[in-house]
Every structure is written in C-alpha cells, then in structure tokens.
Amino acid sequence: MDEGEKQRITVDIYNRTYTIVGPESESHVRLVAGLVDQKMKELHEMNRQLDTTRLAVLTAVNTMNDYQKLKEDYATLLGSLRKKEDK
C-alpha cells in the first residue's frame, strides 16, 4: 500500500460492526478498535444501566483524559531532558 493510501477495515466494537477508513495499518486499526471495545465493556460492567451512547461518550471522555495526561507527562519529560542538555 502506498503511503497516504486509505484502506477500509471492518471491526466490531461493542457488538456493532464499523468500517474504518484511513491510512493506518490493519493491525493498528484492529488494536485501537479492540481497546475501545474493551473500555466500553469495562464501563458497562461498572454500570449496567448505561446505554450504548452513554458508554461511547464515557469511553471517549476517559480516553481523552488519558491522552491529555500523557501529553502533559510527555511535555514534562521533554522539559527535563532539555534542562539536562543545557547544563
């Protein structure tokens, strides 16, 4: 596959089938879909009253929270590395 060429990959997330279109590898898309599926199932176990839409939103909020924390940690590490390089 050429760089930037998009492919279609069918995945199952929380008992629904989705077609993901993008340049990422099939293994990457399947990994991400699996993580989303796993997180939705975890949240469902904690609160069985949540419908699929609420589970999806909570999954997105949890994921973005984790992402933001990682970005902050990364920025802190870069700052520390630059300080050491400047010495």
PDB file of N, CA and C in Angstrom:
ATOM      1  N   MET A   1       0.842  -1.179   0.000  1.00  0.00           N
ATOM      2  CA  MET A   1       0.000   0.000   0.000  1.00  0.00           C
ATOM      3  C   MET A   1       0.886   1.240   0.000  1.00  0.00           C
ATOM      4  N   ASP A   2       0.572   2.217  -0.859  1.00  0.00           N
ATOM      5  CA  ASP A   2       1.337   3.449  -0.935  1.00  0.00           C
ATOM      6  C   ASP A   2       1.083   4.303   0.294  1.00  0.00           C
ATOM      7  N   GLU A   3       2.100   5.111   0.651  1.00  0.00           N
ATOM      8  CA  GLU A   3       1.958   6.000   1.789  1.00  0.00           C
ATOM      9  C   GLU A   3       0.810   6.967   1.537  1.00  0.00           C
ATOM     10  N   GLY A   4      -0.065   7.134   2.506  1.00  0.00           N
ATOM     11  CA  GLY A   4      -1.199   8.024   2.370  1.00  0.00           C
ATOM     12  C   GLY A   4      -2.416   7.385   1.726  1.00  0.00           C
ATOM     13  N   GLU A   5      -2.248   6.190   1.157  1.00  0.00           N
ATOM     14  CA  GLU A   5      -3.382   5.491   0.566  1.00  0.00           C
ATOM     15  C   GLU A   5      -4.288   4.983   1.675  1.00  0.00           C
ATOM     16  N   LYS A   6      -5.582   5.181   1.501  1.00  0.00           N
ATOM     17  CA  LYS A   6      -6.526   4.770   2.534  1.00  0.00           C
ATOM     18  C   LYS A   6      -7.039   3.365   2.262  1.00  0.00           C
ATOM     19  N   GLN A   7      -7.317   2.678   3.348  1.00  0.00           N
ATOM     20  CA  GLN A   7      -7.905   1.345   3.237  1.00  0.00           C
ATOM     21  C   GLN A   7      -9.127   1.259   4.138  1.00  0.00           C
ATOM     22  N   ARG A   8      -9.962   0.296   3.857  1.00  0.00           N
ATOM     23  CA  ARG A   8     -11.188   0.079   4.619  1.00  0.00           C
ATOM     24  C   ARG A   8     -11.007  -1.191   5.450  1.00  0.00           C
ATOM     25  N   ILE A   9     -11.252  -1.062   6.752  1.00  0.00           N
ATOM     26  CA  ILE A   9     -11.102  -2.196   7.660  1.00  0.00           C
ATOM     27  C   ILE A   9     -12.383  -2.302   8.478  1.00  0.00           C
ATOM     28  N   THR A  10     -12.956  -3.483   8.496  1.00  0.00           N
ATOM     29  CA  THR A  10     -14.183  -3.725   9.244  1.00  0.00           C
ATOM     30  C   THR A  10     -13.818  -4.293  10.614  1.00  0.00           C
ATOM     31  N   VAL A  11     -14.368  -3.666  11.652  1.00  0.00           N
ATOM     32  CA  VAL A  11     -14.091  -4.078  13.034  1.00  0.00           C
ATOM     33  C   VAL A  11     -15.408  -4.166  13.799  1.00  0.00           C
ATOM     34  N   ASP A  12     -15.386  -4.911  14.888  1.00  0.00           N
ATOM     35  CA  ASP A  12     -16.529  -4.983  15.790  1.00  0.00           C
ATOM     36  C   ASP A  12     -16.173  -4.279  17.091  1.00  0.00           C
ATOM     37  N   ILE A  13     -17.037  -3.342  17.471  1.00  0.00           N
ATOM     38  CA  ILE A  13     -16.870  -2.625  18.729  1.00  0.00           C
ATOM     39  C   ILE A  13     -18.209  -2.671  19.453  1.00  0.00           C
ATOM     40  N   TYR A  14     -18.199  -3.257  20.613  1.00  0.00           N
ATOM     41  CA  TYR A  14     -19.378  -3.364  21.471  1.00  0.00           C
ATOM     42  C   TYR A  14     -20.568  -3.928  20.692  1.00  0.00           C
ATOM     43  N   ASN A  15     -20.299  -5.059  20.059  1.00  0.00           N
ATOM     44  CA  ASN A  15     -21.315  -5.834  19.333  1.00  0.00           C
ATOM     45  C   ASN A  15     -21.916  -5.108  18.128  1.00  0.00           C
ATOM     46  N   ARG A  16     -21.187  -4.142  17.586  1.00  0.00           N
ATOM     47  CA  ARG A  16     -21.616  -3.462  16.365  1.00  0.00           C
ATOM     48  C   ARG A  16     -20.449  -3.453  15.393  1.00  0.00           C
ATOM     49  N   THR A  17     -20.772  -3.515  14.112  1.00  0.00           N
ATOM     50  CA  THR A  17     -19.747  -3.544  13.079  1.00  0.00           C
ATOM     51  C   THR A  17     -19.543  -2.141  12.521  1.00  0.00           C
ATOM     52  N   TYR A  18     -18.276  -1.757  12.404  1.00  0.00           N
ATOM     53  CA  TYR A  18     -17.907  -0.446  11.861  1.00  0.00           C
ATOM     54  C   TYR A  18     -16.858  -0.645  10.781  1.00  0.00           C
ATOM     55  N   THR A  19     -16.912   0.201   9.767  1.00  0.00           N
ATOM     56  CA  THR A  19     -15.866   0.216   8.750  1.00  0.00           C
ATOM     57  C   THR A  19     -15.036   1.463   8.983  1.00  0.00           C
ATOM     58  N   ILE A  20     -13.754   1.250   9.242  1.00  0.00           N
ATOM     59  CA  ILE A  20     -12.814   2.341   9.498  1.00  0.00           C
ATOM     60  C   ILE A  20     -12.037   2.581   8.211  1.00  0.00           C
ATOM     61  N   VAL A  21     -11.982   3.840   7.773  1.00  0.00           N
ATOM     62  CA  VAL A  21     -11.253   4.198   6.565  1.00  0.00           C
ATOM     63  C   VAL A  21     -10.108   5.113   6.958  1.00  0.00           C
ATOM     64  N   GLY A  22      -8.885   4.745   6.553  1.00  0.00           N
ATOM     65  CA  GLY A  22      -7.739   5.580   6.871  1.00  0.00           C
ATOM     66  C   GLY A  22      -6.448   4.955   6.402  1.00  0.00           C
ATOM     67  N   PRO A  23      -5.347   5.672   6.553  1.00  0.00           N
ATOM     68  CA  PRO A  23      -4.052   5.192   6.075  1.00  0.00           C
ATOM     69  C   PRO A  23      -3.324   4.258   7.042  1.00  0.00           C
ATOM     70  N   GLU A  24      -3.866   4.082   8.250  1.00  0.00           N
ATOM     71  CA  GLU A  24      -3.185   3.259   9.245  1.00  0.00           C
ATOM     72  C   GLU A  24      -3.222   1.787   8.841  1.00  0.00           C
ATOM     73  N   SER A  25      -2.271   1.036   9.382  1.00  0.00           N
ATOM     74  CA  SER A  25      -2.213  -0.395   9.082  1.00  0.00           C
ATOM     75  C   SER A  25      -3.416  -1.110   9.684  1.00  0.00           C
ATOM     76  N   GLU A  26      -3.736  -2.243   9.111  1.00  0.00           N
ATOM     77  CA  GLU A  26      -4.857  -3.030   9.617  1.00  0.00           C
ATOM     78  C   GLU A  26      -4.620  -3.436  11.064  1.00  0.00           C
ATOM     79  N   SER A  27      -3.396  -3.827  11.398  1.00  0.00           N
ATOM     80  CA  SER A  27      -3.113  -4.260  12.770  1.00  0.00           C
ATOM     81  C   SER A  27      -3.308  -3.106  13.752  1.00  0.00           C
ATOM     82  N   HIS A  28      -2.943  -1.897  13.355  1.00  0.00           N
ATOM     83  CA  HIS A  28      -3.115  -0.731  14.232  1.00  0.00           C
ATOM     84  C   HIS A  28      -4.603  -0.444  14.451  1.00  0.00           C
ATOM     85  N   VAL A  29      -5.373  -0.457  13.373  1.00  0.00           N
ATOM     86  CA  VAL A  29      -6.808  -0.187  13.475  1.00  0.00           C
ATOM     87  C   VAL A  29      -7.476  -1.244  14.350  1.00  0.00           C
ATOM     88  N   ARG A  30      -7.104  -2.494  14.161  1.00  0.00           N
ATOM     89  CA  ARG A  30      -7.707  -3.566  14.970  1.00  0.00           C
ATOM     90  C   ARG A  30      -7.314  -3.429  16.439  1.00  0.00           C
ATOM     91  N   LEU A  31      -6.081  -3.023  16.714  1.00  0.00           N
ATOM     92  CA  LEU A  31      -5.642  -2.802  18.090  1.00  0.00           C
ATOM     93  C   LEU A  31      -6.465  -1.693  18.739  1.00  0.00           C
ATOM     94  N   VAL A  32      -6.604  -0.569  18.055  1.00  0.00           N
ATOM     95  CA  VAL A  32      -7.364   0.563  18.600  1.00  0.00           C
ATOM     96  C   VAL A  32      -8.822   0.172  18.814  1.00  0.00           C
ATOM     97  N   ALA A  33      -9.420  -0.488  17.841  1.00  0.00           N
ATOM     98  CA  ALA A  33     -10.816  -0.920  17.971  1.00  0.00           C
ATOM     99  C   ALA A  33     -10.975  -1.875  19.156  1.00  0.00           C
ATOM    100  N   GLY A  34     -10.017  -2.752  19.334  1.00  0.00           N
ATOM    101  CA  GLY A  34     -10.055  -3.679  20.463  1.00  0.00           C
ATOM    102  C   GLY A  34      -9.977  -2.971  21.797  1.00  0.00           C
ATOM    103  N   LEU A  35      -9.158  -1.926  21.866  1.00  0.00           N
ATOM    104  CA  LEU A  35      -9.045  -1.157  23.104  1.00  0.00           C
ATOM    105  C   LEU A  35     -10.342  -0.412  23.406  1.00  0.00           C
ATOM    106  N   VAL A  36     -10.971   0.142  22.377  1.00  0.00           N
ATOM    107  CA  VAL A  36     -12.250   0.829  22.566  1.00  0.00           C
ATOM    108  C   VAL A  36     -13.310  -0.168  23.042  1.00  0.00           C
ATOM    109  N   ASP A  37     -13.359  -1.314  22.400  1.00  0.00           N
ATOM    110  CA  ASP A  37     -14.303  -2.365  22.782  1.00  0.00           C
ATOM    111  C   ASP A  37     -14.091  -2.778  24.236  1.00  0.00           C
ATOM    112  N   GLN A  38     -12.846  -2.979  24.609  1.00  0.00           N
ATOM    113  CA  GLN A  38     -12.512  -3.386  25.981  1.00  0.00           C
ATOM    114  C   GLN A  38     -12.944  -2.320  26.990  1.00  0.00           C
ATOM    115  N   LYS A  39     -12.671  -1.045  26.689  1.00  0.00           N
ATOM    116  CA  LYS A  39     -13.025   0.040  27.607  1.00  0.00           C
ATOM    117  C   LYS A  39     -14.542   0.142  27.755  1.00  0.00           C
ATOM    118  N   MET A  40     -15.274  -0.001  26.652  1.00  0.00           N
ATOM    119  CA  MET A  40     -16.736   0.061  26.736  1.00  0.00           C
ATOM    120  C   MET A  40     -17.273  -1.082  27.591  1.00  0.00           C
ATOM    121  N   LYS A  41     -16.711  -2.265  27.446  1.00  0.00           N
ATOM    122  CA  LYS A  41     -17.146  -3.409  28.248  1.00  0.00           C
ATOM    123  C   LYS A  41     -16.811  -3.204  29.724  1.00  0.00           C
ATOM    124  N   GLU A  42     -15.661  -2.633  30.018  1.00  0.00           N
ATOM    125  CA  GLU A  42     -15.287  -2.340  31.410  1.00  0.00           C
ATOM    126  C   GLU A  42     -16.279  -1.363  32.037  1.00  0.00           C
ATOM    127  N   LEU A  43     -16.599  -0.305  31.308  1.00  0.00           N
ATOM    128  CA  LEU A  43     -17.538   0.684  31.827  1.00  0.00           C
ATOM    129  C   LEU A  43     -18.932   0.085  31.997  1.00  0.00           C
ATOM    130  N   HIS A  44     -19.321  -0.784  31.105  1.00  0.00           N
ATOM    131  CA  HIS A  44     -20.619  -1.448  31.213  1.00  0.00           C
ATOM    132  C   HIS A  44     -20.672  -2.325  32.467  1.00  0.00           C
ATOM    133  N   GLU A  45     -19.570  -2.994  32.774  1.00  0.00           N
ATOM    134  CA  GLU A  45     -19.518  -3.825  33.981  1.00  0.00           C
ATOM    135  C   GLU A  45     -19.693  -2.974  35.239  1.00  0.00           C
ATOM    136  N   MET A  46     -19.202  -1.750  35.214  1.00  0.00           N
ATOM    137  CA  MET A  46     -19.303  -0.870  36.377  1.00  0.00           C
ATOM    138  C   MET A  46     -20.692  -0.263  36.518  1.00  0.00           C
ATOM    139  N   ASN A  47     -21.395  -0.101  35.378  1.00  0.00           N
ATOM    140  CA  ASN A  47     -22.726   0.492  35.424  1.00  0.00           C
ATOM    141  C   ASN A  47     -23.567  -0.076  34.283  1.00  0.00           C
ATOM    142  N   ARG A  48     -24.300  -1.116  34.588  1.00  0.00           N
ATOM    143  CA  ARG A  48     -25.083  -1.832  33.570  1.00  0.00           C
ATOM    144  C   ARG A  48     -26.281  -1.039  33.058  1.00  0.00           C
ATOM    145  N   GLN A  49     -26.616   0.074  33.697  1.00  0.00           N
ATOM    146  CA  GLN A  49     -27.759   0.874  33.250  1.00  0.00           C
ATOM    147  C   GLN A  49     -27.410   1.790  32.069  1.00  0.00           C
ATOM    148  N   LEU A  50     -26.133   1.960  31.792  1.00  0.00           N
ATOM    149  CA  LEU A  50     -25.739   2.874  30.723  1.00  0.00           C
ATOM    150  C   LEU A  50     -26.084   2.299  29.354  1.00  0.00           C
ATOM    151  N   ASP A  51     -26.688   3.137  28.510  1.00  0.00           N
ATOM    152  CA  ASP A  51     -26.956   2.699  27.140  1.00  0.00           C
ATOM    153  C   ASP A  51     -25.689   2.866  26.296  1.00  0.00           C
ATOM    154  N   THR A  52     -25.750   2.397  25.074  1.00  0.00           N
ATOM    155  CA  THR A  52     -24.567   2.403  24.206  1.00  0.00           C
ATOM    156  C   THR A  52     -24.032   3.817  23.970  1.00  0.00           C
ATOM    157  N   THR A  53     -24.930   4.776  23.784  1.00  0.00           N
ATOM    158  CA  THR A  53     -24.490   6.156  23.545  1.00  0.00           C
ATOM    159  C   THR A  53     -23.730   6.702  24.740  1.00  0.00           C
ATOM    160  N   ARG A  54     -24.248   6.500  25.929  1.00  0.00           N
ATOM    161  CA  ARG A  54     -23.562   6.992  27.136  1.00  0.00           C
ATOM    162  C   ARG A  54     -22.236   6.258  27.352  1.00  0.00           C
ATOM    163  N   LEU A  55     -22.228   4.961  27.071  1.00  0.00           N
ATOM    164  CA  LEU A  55     -20.969   4.213  27.173  1.00  0.00           C
ATOM    165  C   LEU A  55     -19.929   4.768  26.205  1.00  0.00           C
ATOM    166  N   ALA A  56     -20.367   5.072  24.988  1.00  0.00           N
ATOM    167  CA  ALA A  56     -19.441   5.612  23.985  1.00  0.00           C
ATOM    168  C   ALA A  56     -18.887   6.971  24.418  1.00  0.00           C
ATOM    169  N   VAL A  57     -19.761   7.825  24.954  1.00  0.00           N
ATOM    170  CA  VAL A  57     -19.307   9.148  25.406  1.00  0.00           C
ATOM    171  C   VAL A  57     -18.353   9.007  26.589  1.00  0.00           C
ATOM    172  N   LEU A  58     -18.678   8.157  27.548  1.00  0.00           N
ATOM    173  CA  LEU A  58     -17.786   7.955  28.695  1.00  0.00           C
ATOM    174  C   LEU A  58     -16.448   7.356  28.259  1.00  0.00           C
ATOM    175  N   THR A  59     -16.486   6.468  27.279  1.00  0.00           N
ATOM    176  CA  THR A  59     -15.247   5.907  26.740  1.00  0.00           C
ATOM    177  C   THR A  59     -14.407   7.008  26.112  1.00  0.00           C
ATOM    178  N   ALA A  60     -15.047   7.887  25.344  1.00  0.00           N
ATOM    179  CA  ALA A  60     -14.328   8.999  24.725  1.00  0.00           C
ATOM    180  C   ALA A  60     -13.737   9.931  25.778  1.00  0.00           C
ATOM    181  N   VAL A  61     -14.512  10.246  26.813  1.00  0.00           N
ATOM    182  CA  VAL A  61     -14.023  11.132  27.877  1.00  0.00           C
ATOM    183  C   VAL A  61     -12.850  10.489  28.608  1.00  0.00           C
ATOM    184  N   ASN A  62     -12.972   9.214  28.947  1.00  0.00           N
ATOM    185  CA  ASN A  62     -11.877   8.516  29.616  1.00  0.00           C
ATOM    186  C   ASN A  62     -10.624   8.483  28.741  1.00  0.00           C
ATOM    187  N   THR A  63     -10.810   8.217  27.469  1.00  0.00           N
ATOM    188  CA  THR A  63      -9.677   8.135  26.548  1.00  0.00           C
ATOM    189  C   THR A  63      -8.991   9.484  26.399  1.00  0.00           C
ATOM    190  N   MET A  64      -9.774  10.547  26.255  1.00  0.00           N
ATOM    191  CA  MET A  64      -9.182  11.881  26.122  1.00  0.00           C
ATOM    192  C   MET A  64      -8.504  12.315  27.416  1.00  0.00           C
ATOM    193  N   ASN A  65      -9.052  11.910  28.554  1.00  0.00           N
ATOM    194  CA  ASN A  65      -8.402  12.192  29.829  1.00  0.00           C
ATOM    195  C   ASN A  65      -7.035  11.517  29.889  1.00  0.00           C
ATOM    196  N   ASP A  66      -6.984  10.253  29.513  1.00  0.00           N
ATOM    197  CA  ASP A  66      -5.705   9.530  29.489  1.00  0.00           C
ATOM    198  C   ASP A  66      -4.732  10.179  28.510  1.00  0.00           C
ATOM    199  N   TYR A  67      -5.233  10.557  27.345  1.00  0.00           N
ATOM    200  CA  TYR A  67      -4.406  11.198  26.325  1.00  0.00           C
ATOM    201  C   TYR A  67      -3.828  12.522  26.842  1.00  0.00           C
ATOM    202  N   GLN A  68      -4.675  13.332  27.481  1.00  0.00           N
ATOM    203  CA  GLN A  68      -4.216  14.620  27.997  1.00  0.00           C
ATOM    204  C   GLN A  68      -3.148  14.436  29.076  1.00  0.00           C
ATOM    205  N   LYS A  69      -3.338  13.462  29.944  1.00  0.00           N
ATOM    206  CA  LYS A  69      -2.328  13.185  30.978  1.00  0.00           C
ATOM    207  C   LYS A  69      -1.003  12.767  30.341  1.00  0.00           C
ATOM    208  N   LEU A  70      -1.069  11.927  29.306  1.00  0.00           N
ATOM    209  CA  LEU A  70       0.148  11.503  28.611  1.00  0.00           C
ATOM    210  C   LEU A  70       0.845  12.679  27.933  1.00  0.00           C
ATOM    211  N   LYS A  71       0.066  13.576  27.339  1.00  0.00           N
ATOM    212  CA  LYS A  71       0.654  14.766  26.722  1.00  0.00           C
ATOM    213  C   LYS A  71       1.375  15.623  27.758  1.00  0.00           C
ATOM    214  N   GLU A  72       0.748  15.785  28.915  1.00  0.00           N
ATOM    215  CA  GLU A  72       1.361  16.575  29.987  1.00  0.00           C
ATOM    216  C   GLU A  72       2.633  15.905  30.492  1.00  0.00           C
ATOM    217  N   ASP A  73       2.588  14.584  30.676  1.00  0.00           N
ATOM    218  CA  ASP A  73       3.780  13.845  31.102  1.00  0.00           C
ATOM    219  C   ASP A  73       4.891  13.959  30.065  1.00  0.00           C
ATOM    220  N   TYR A  74       4.532  13.865  28.792  1.00  0.00           N
ATOM    221  CA  TYR A  74       5.500  13.974  27.707  1.00  0.00           C
ATOM    222  C   TYR A  74       6.148  15.362  27.708  1.00  0.00           C
ATOM    223  N   ALA A  75       5.333  16.402  27.878  1.00  0.00           N
ATOM    224  CA  ALA A  75       5.871  17.764  27.913  1.00  0.00           C
ATOM    225  C   ALA A  75       6.812  17.938  29.101  1.00  0.00           C
ATOM    226  N   THR A  76       6.454  17.381  30.233  1.00  0.00           N
ATOM    227  CA  THR A  76       7.311  17.455  31.420  1.00  0.00           C
ATOM    228  C   THR A  76       8.642  16.747  31.169  1.00  0.00           C
ATOM    229  N   LEU A  77       8.574  15.556  30.577  1.00  0.00           N
ATOM    230  CA  LEU A  77       9.800  14.810  30.269  1.00  0.00           C
ATOM    231  C   LEU A  77      10.677  15.552  29.271  1.00  0.00           C
ATOM    232  N   LEU A  78      10.065  16.135  28.251  1.00  0.00           N
ATOM    233  CA  LEU A  78      10.842  16.910  27.283  1.00  0.00           C
ATOM    234  C   LEU A  78      11.521  18.094  27.958  1.00  0.00           C
ATOM    235  N   GLY A  79      10.777  18.761  28.840  1.00  0.00           N
ATOM    236  CA  GLY A  79      11.353  19.891  29.572  1.00  0.00           C
ATOM    237  C   GLY A  79      12.534  19.457  30.413  1.00  0.00           C
ATOM    238  N   SER A  80      12.420  18.342  31.095  1.00  0.00           N
ATOM    239  CA  SER A  80      13.514  17.820  31.919  1.00  0.00           C
ATOM    240  C   SER A  80      14.711  17.464  31.058  1.00  0.00           C
ATOM    241  N   LEU A  81      14.449  16.850  29.926  1.00  0.00           N
ATOM    242  CA  LEU A  81      15.537  16.468  29.013  1.00  0.00           C
ATOM    243  C   LEU A  81      16.257  17.696  28.484  1.00  0.00           C
ATOM    244  N   ARG A  82      15.529  18.713  28.124  1.00  0.00           N
ATOM    245  CA  ARG A  82      16.154  19.952  27.611  1.00  0.00           C
ATOM    246  C   ARG A  82      16.998  20.632  28.680  1.00  0.00           C
ATOM    247  N   LYS A  83      16.508  20.620  29.929  1.00  0.00           N
ATOM    248  CA  LYS A  83      17.273  21.219  31.026  1.00  0.00           C
ATOM    249  C   LYS A  83      18.598  20.486  31.211  1.00  0.00           C
ATOM    250  N   LYS A  84      18.575  19.157  31.124  1.00  0.00           N
ATOM    251  CA  LYS A  84      19.798  18.370  31.282  1.00  0.00           C
ATOM    252  C   LYS A  84      20.748  18.619  30.130  1.00  0.00           C
ATOM    253  N   GLU A  85      20.207  18.800  28.924  1.00  0.00           N
ATOM    254  CA  GLU A  85      21.050  19.049  27.754  1.00  0.00           C
ATOM    255  C   GLU A  85      21.699  20.421  27.818  1.00  0.00           C
ATOM    256  N   ASP A  86      21.015  21.386  28.451  1.00  0.00           N
ATOM    257  CA  ASP A  86      21.528  22.755  28.543  1.00  0.00           C
ATOM    258  C   ASP A  86      22.639  22.899  29.584  1.00  0.00           C
ATOM    259  N   LYS A  87      22.764  21.924  30.473  1.00  0.00           N
ATOM    260  CA  LYS A  87      23.785  22.015  31.533  1.00  0.00           C
ATOM    261  C   LYS A  87      25.150  21.721  30.997  1.00  0.00           C
TER     262      LYS A  87
END
